[in-house]
Amino acid sequence: MYKLEINEIGANMLSWILYNYVSFVTNRKTVFHTHTKNMKEYVIQLFQFYVSRVLTLGIELLIVFLLVTVLGWYAMGVKIFTSILVIFLNYFISKRFIF
């Protein structure tokens, strides 16, 4: 981060992008065993994967906001719940719509 002169937000976004790309490649090869015929299909899958990850991130943030900020629930419990929910949602969306 410091050597590349990237601020914290930029570094966090870059790490999110890279993390999700590694997750995409891992899911394609080891979880769902999918192959694409050409680069266009690959890019479409990659785009759908990122859109689904942004969607589940939004769902997670909304739930945390509602349950912790609005209702005052225990933050760690809510975070554990939302993390598990997002894992299942990501798997379901990937299996049903992407791969």
N, C-alpha and C. Protein backbone atom coordinates (compact mmCIF):
# COMPACT_ATOMS: atom_id res chain seq x y z
N MET A 1 0.83 -1.18 0.00
CA MET A 1 0.00 0.00 0.00
C MET A 1 0.88 1.25 0.00
N TYR A 2 1.86 1.28 0.89
CA TYR A 2 2.70 2.47 0.99
C TYR A 2 3.68 2.57 -0.18
N LYS A 3 4.22 1.44 -0.61
CA LYS A 3 5.17 1.46 -1.71
C LYS A 3 4.49 1.86 -3.02
N LEU A 4 3.23 1.48 -3.19
CA LEU A 4 2.48 1.84 -4.39
C LEU A 4 1.80 3.20 -4.26
N GLU A 5 1.92 3.81 -3.08
CA GLU A 5 1.29 5.09 -2.79
C GLU A 5 -0.22 5.07 -3.01
N ILE A 6 -0.84 4.03 -2.47
CA ILE A 6 -2.30 3.88 -2.54
C ILE A 6 -2.85 4.13 -1.14
N ASN A 7 -3.93 4.91 -1.04
CA ASN A 7 -4.52 5.15 0.27
C ASN A 7 -5.27 3.91 0.76
N GLU A 8 -5.76 3.96 1.97
CA GLU A 8 -6.40 2.80 2.60
C GLU A 8 -7.62 2.31 1.83
N ILE A 9 -8.44 3.22 1.35
CA ILE A 9 -9.65 2.84 0.62
C ILE A 9 -9.27 2.18 -0.70
N GLY A 10 -8.35 2.78 -1.41
CA GLY A 10 -7.90 2.19 -2.67
C GLY A 10 -7.27 0.83 -2.47
N ALA A 11 -6.46 0.70 -1.42
CA ALA A 11 -5.83 -0.59 -1.13
C ALA A 11 -6.88 -1.64 -0.77
N ASN A 12 -7.89 -1.24 -0.01
CA ASN A 12 -8.94 -2.16 0.37
C ASN A 12 -9.75 -2.60 -0.85
N MET A 13 -10.04 -1.67 -1.74
CA MET A 13 -10.78 -2.02 -2.97
C MET A 13 -9.95 -2.96 -3.85
N LEU A 14 -8.66 -2.65 -3.98
CA LEU A 14 -7.79 -3.50 -4.79
C LEU A 14 -7.71 -4.91 -4.20
N SER A 15 -7.61 -5.01 -2.88
CA SER A 15 -7.57 -6.34 -2.25
C SER A 15 -8.88 -7.07 -2.45
N TRP A 16 -10.02 -6.36 -2.42
CA TRP A 16 -11.33 -6.99 -2.65
C TRP A 16 -11.42 -7.52 -4.07
N ILE A 17 -10.95 -6.74 -5.03
CA ILE A 17 -10.98 -7.16 -6.43
C ILE A 17 -10.11 -8.40 -6.63
N LEU A 18 -8.90 -8.37 -6.09
CA LEU A 18 -7.98 -9.51 -6.23
C LEU A 18 -8.50 -10.74 -5.50
N TYR A 19 -9.01 -10.55 -4.29
CA TYR A 19 -9.56 -11.66 -3.52
C TYR A 19 -10.69 -12.34 -4.29
N ASN A 20 -11.58 -11.54 -4.85
CA ASN A 20 -12.71 -12.12 -5.57
C ASN A 20 -12.29 -12.77 -6.87
N TYR A 21 -11.23 -12.27 -7.50
CA TYR A 21 -10.75 -12.94 -8.71
C TYR A 21 -10.18 -14.31 -8.36
N VAL A 22 -9.41 -14.38 -7.29
CA VAL A 22 -8.88 -15.68 -6.84
C VAL A 22 -10.04 -16.61 -6.49
N SER A 23 -11.05 -16.08 -5.84
CA SER A 23 -12.24 -16.87 -5.50
C SER A 23 -12.94 -17.36 -6.77
N PHE A 24 -13.04 -16.51 -7.77
CA PHE A 24 -13.66 -16.87 -9.05
C PHE A 24 -12.92 -18.05 -9.70
N VAL A 25 -11.61 -17.92 -9.79
CA VAL A 25 -10.79 -18.97 -10.42
C VAL A 25 -10.91 -20.27 -9.62
N THR A 26 -10.84 -20.17 -8.31
CA THR A 26 -10.95 -21.36 -7.45
C THR A 26 -12.32 -22.02 -7.61
N ASN A 27 -13.37 -21.22 -7.60
CA ASN A 27 -14.72 -21.77 -7.76
C ASN A 27 -14.90 -22.44 -9.11
N ARG A 28 -14.40 -21.83 -10.17
CA ARG A 28 -14.52 -22.40 -11.52
C ARG A 28 -13.84 -23.76 -11.61
N LYS A 29 -12.63 -23.83 -11.06
CA LYS A 29 -11.82 -25.03 -11.26
C LYS A 29 -12.10 -26.13 -10.25
N THR A 30 -12.24 -25.80 -8.99
CA THR A 30 -12.31 -26.84 -7.97
C THR A 30 -13.70 -27.10 -7.39
N VAL A 31 -14.57 -26.10 -7.44
CA VAL A 31 -15.90 -26.29 -6.86
C VAL A 31 -16.91 -26.71 -7.92
N PHE A 32 -16.99 -25.95 -9.01
CA PHE A 32 -18.02 -26.20 -10.01
C PHE A 32 -17.50 -26.87 -11.28
N HIS A 33 -16.20 -26.96 -11.45
CA HIS A 33 -15.56 -27.66 -12.58
C HIS A 33 -16.14 -27.19 -13.92
N THR A 34 -16.16 -25.88 -14.11
CA THR A 34 -16.70 -25.35 -15.36
C THR A 34 -15.59 -24.93 -16.31
N HIS A 35 -15.94 -24.96 -17.57
CA HIS A 35 -15.04 -24.53 -18.63
C HIS A 35 -15.83 -23.64 -19.58
N THR A 36 -15.15 -22.72 -20.19
CA THR A 36 -15.79 -21.86 -21.18
C THR A 36 -15.19 -22.15 -22.54
N LYS A 37 -15.98 -21.90 -23.56
CA LYS A 37 -15.54 -22.17 -24.93
C LYS A 37 -14.61 -21.09 -25.47
N ASN A 38 -14.80 -19.87 -24.97
CA ASN A 38 -14.00 -18.77 -25.49
C ASN A 38 -13.86 -17.67 -24.43
N MET A 39 -13.10 -16.65 -24.77
CA MET A 39 -12.83 -15.55 -23.84
C MET A 39 -14.10 -14.78 -23.51
N LYS A 40 -15.01 -14.64 -24.48
CA LYS A 40 -16.25 -13.90 -24.24
C LYS A 40 -17.06 -14.57 -23.12
N GLU A 41 -17.22 -15.89 -23.17
CA GLU A 41 -17.95 -16.61 -22.12
C GLU A 41 -17.25 -16.45 -20.77
N TYR A 42 -15.93 -16.48 -20.79
CA TYR A 42 -15.15 -16.32 -19.55
C TYR A 42 -15.40 -14.95 -18.93
N VAL A 43 -15.36 -13.91 -19.75
CA VAL A 43 -15.57 -12.55 -19.26
C VAL A 43 -16.99 -12.38 -18.75
N ILE A 44 -17.96 -12.97 -19.42
CA ILE A 44 -19.35 -12.91 -18.96
C ILE A 44 -19.49 -13.58 -17.60
N GLN A 45 -18.90 -14.76 -17.44
CA GLN A 45 -18.92 -15.43 -16.13
C GLN A 45 -18.27 -14.58 -15.06
N LEU A 46 -17.12 -14.01 -15.39
CA LEU A 46 -16.40 -13.17 -14.43
C LEU A 46 -17.25 -11.96 -14.04
N PHE A 47 -17.88 -11.32 -15.01
CA PHE A 47 -18.74 -10.17 -14.73
C PHE A 47 -19.91 -10.57 -13.83
N GLN A 48 -20.56 -11.67 -14.15
CA GLN A 48 -21.68 -12.15 -13.34
C GLN A 48 -21.22 -12.46 -11.91
N PHE A 49 -20.04 -13.03 -11.80
CA PHE A 49 -19.49 -13.36 -10.48
C PHE A 49 -19.31 -12.09 -9.66
N TYR A 50 -18.68 -11.07 -10.25
CA TYR A 50 -18.47 -9.82 -9.51
C TYR A 50 -19.80 -9.14 -9.16
N VAL A 51 -20.75 -9.15 -10.07
CA VAL A 51 -22.06 -8.55 -9.78
C VAL A 51 -22.71 -9.28 -8.61
N SER A 52 -22.61 -10.60 -8.59
CA SER A 52 -23.21 -11.36 -7.50
C SER A 52 -22.53 -11.05 -6.18
N ARG A 53 -21.21 -10.85 -6.21
CA ARG A 53 -20.48 -10.53 -4.98
C ARG A 53 -20.84 -9.14 -4.46
N VAL A 54 -21.03 -8.20 -5.37
CA VAL A 54 -21.46 -6.86 -4.95
C VAL A 54 -22.86 -6.92 -4.37
N LEU A 55 -23.73 -7.72 -4.98
CA LEU A 55 -25.09 -7.90 -4.48
C LEU A 55 -25.10 -8.48 -3.06
N THR A 56 -24.33 -9.53 -2.84
CA THR A 56 -24.32 -10.13 -1.50
C THR A 56 -23.62 -9.23 -0.49
N LEU A 57 -22.65 -8.43 -0.92
CA LEU A 57 -22.05 -7.44 -0.03
C LEU A 57 -23.10 -6.42 0.39
N GLY A 58 -23.91 -5.97 -0.56
CA GLY A 58 -24.98 -5.03 -0.24
C GLY A 58 -25.99 -5.61 0.73
N ILE A 59 -26.35 -6.87 0.53
CA ILE A 59 -27.27 -7.54 1.44
C ILE A 59 -26.67 -7.61 2.84
N GLU A 60 -25.40 -7.97 2.91
CA GLU A 60 -24.72 -8.06 4.21
C GLU A 60 -24.69 -6.71 4.92
N LEU A 61 -24.33 -5.67 4.18
CA LEU A 61 -24.27 -4.34 4.78
C LEU A 61 -25.65 -3.87 5.25
N LEU A 62 -26.67 -4.16 4.47
CA LEU A 62 -28.03 -3.78 4.85
C LEU A 62 -28.47 -4.48 6.13
N ILE A 63 -28.22 -5.78 6.21
CA ILE A 63 -28.60 -6.54 7.41
C ILE A 63 -27.85 -6.03 8.63
N VAL A 64 -26.54 -5.81 8.48
CA VAL A 64 -25.74 -5.30 9.61
C VAL A 64 -26.27 -3.93 10.04
N PHE A 65 -26.53 -3.07 9.08
CA PHE A 65 -27.05 -1.75 9.41
C PHE A 65 -28.38 -1.85 10.17
N LEU A 66 -29.31 -2.64 9.64
CA LEU A 66 -30.63 -2.75 10.28
C LEU A 66 -30.55 -3.37 11.66
N LEU A 67 -29.82 -4.48 11.78
CA LEU A 67 -29.81 -5.21 13.05
C LEU A 67 -28.91 -4.58 14.11
N VAL A 68 -27.78 -4.01 13.69
CA VAL A 68 -26.85 -3.44 14.67
C VAL A 68 -27.12 -1.96 14.89
N THR A 69 -27.14 -1.19 13.82
CA THR A 69 -27.27 0.26 13.97
C THR A 69 -28.69 0.67 14.36
N VAL A 70 -29.68 0.10 13.68
CA VAL A 70 -31.07 0.51 13.94
C VAL A 70 -31.63 -0.17 15.19
N LEU A 71 -31.48 -1.51 15.27
CA LEU A 71 -32.10 -2.25 16.37
C LEU A 71 -31.19 -2.47 17.58
N GLY A 72 -29.90 -2.22 17.42
CA GLY A 72 -28.98 -2.32 18.54
C GLY A 72 -28.62 -3.73 18.95
N TRP A 73 -28.72 -4.68 18.04
CA TRP A 73 -28.37 -6.06 18.36
C TRP A 73 -26.86 -6.18 18.53
N TYR A 74 -26.43 -7.31 19.10
CA TYR A 74 -25.02 -7.61 19.35
C TYR A 74 -24.28 -7.74 18.02
N ALA A 75 -23.30 -6.86 17.80
CA ALA A 75 -22.63 -6.75 16.51
C ALA A 75 -21.91 -8.04 16.10
N MET A 76 -21.22 -8.68 17.03
CA MET A 76 -20.46 -9.88 16.67
C MET A 76 -21.41 -11.01 16.25
N GLY A 77 -22.51 -11.18 16.94
CA GLY A 77 -23.48 -12.21 16.57
C GLY A 77 -24.08 -11.94 15.20
N VAL A 78 -24.41 -10.69 14.94
CA VAL A 78 -24.97 -10.31 13.63
C VAL A 78 -23.94 -10.56 12.53
N LYS A 79 -22.69 -10.20 12.79
CA LYS A 79 -21.64 -10.39 11.79
C LYS A 79 -21.43 -11.87 11.49
N ILE A 80 -21.45 -12.71 12.51
CA ILE A 80 -21.31 -14.16 12.30
C ILE A 80 -22.48 -14.66 11.46
N PHE A 81 -23.69 -14.25 11.82
CA PHE A 81 -24.89 -14.66 11.08
C PHE A 81 -24.80 -14.22 9.62
N THR A 82 -24.46 -12.93 9.39
CA THR A 82 -24.43 -12.44 8.02
C THR A 82 -23.31 -13.09 7.21
N SER A 83 -22.20 -13.39 7.85
CA SER A 83 -21.10 -14.06 7.14
C SER A 83 -21.52 -15.44 6.66
N ILE A 84 -22.20 -16.18 7.52
CA ILE A 84 -22.69 -17.51 7.15
C ILE A 84 -23.74 -17.40 6.05
N LEU A 85 -24.65 -16.44 6.20
CA LEU A 85 -25.68 -16.22 5.18
C LEU A 85 -25.06 -15.90 3.82
N VAL A 86 -24.06 -15.04 3.82
CA VAL A 86 -23.40 -14.65 2.56
C VAL A 86 -22.69 -15.83 1.92
N ILE A 87 -22.08 -16.68 2.72
CA ILE A 87 -21.43 -17.89 2.17
C ILE A 87 -22.46 -18.73 1.43
N PHE A 88 -23.60 -18.98 2.05
CA PHE A 88 -24.65 -19.77 1.40
C PHE A 88 -25.22 -19.07 0.18
N LEU A 89 -25.46 -17.76 0.28
CA LEU A 89 -25.97 -17.01 -0.87
C LEU A 89 -24.98 -17.04 -2.03
N ASN A 90 -23.70 -16.84 -1.74
CA ASN A 90 -22.69 -16.86 -2.80
C ASN A 90 -22.64 -18.22 -3.48
N TYR A 91 -22.72 -19.29 -2.70
CA TYR A 91 -22.70 -20.63 -3.29
C TYR A 91 -23.94 -20.85 -4.16
N PHE A 92 -25.11 -20.51 -3.63
CA PHE A 92 -26.36 -20.71 -4.36
C PHE A 92 -26.37 -19.91 -5.66
N ILE A 93 -26.01 -18.63 -5.58
CA ILE A 93 -26.01 -17.80 -6.78
C ILE A 93 -25.01 -18.32 -7.80
N SER A 94 -23.83 -18.70 -7.32
CA SER A 94 -22.81 -19.23 -8.24
C SER A 94 -23.27 -20.51 -8.92
N LYS A 95 -23.85 -21.40 -8.15
CA LYS A 95 -24.29 -22.69 -8.70
C LYS A 95 -25.47 -22.50 -9.64
N ARG A 96 -26.42 -21.67 -9.27
CA ARG A 96 -27.66 -21.55 -10.03
C ARG A 96 -27.53 -20.65 -11.26
N PHE A 97 -26.77 -19.56 -11.14
CA PHE A 97 -26.79 -18.55 -12.19
C PHE A 97 -25.47 -18.34 -12.92
N ILE A 98 -24.35 -18.71 -12.34
CA ILE A 98 -23.07 -18.37 -12.96
C ILE A 98 -22.37 -19.58 -13.55
N PHE A 99 -22.20 -20.61 -12.76
CA PHE A 99 -21.46 -21.76 -13.22
C PHE A 99 -22.41 -22.90 -13.58
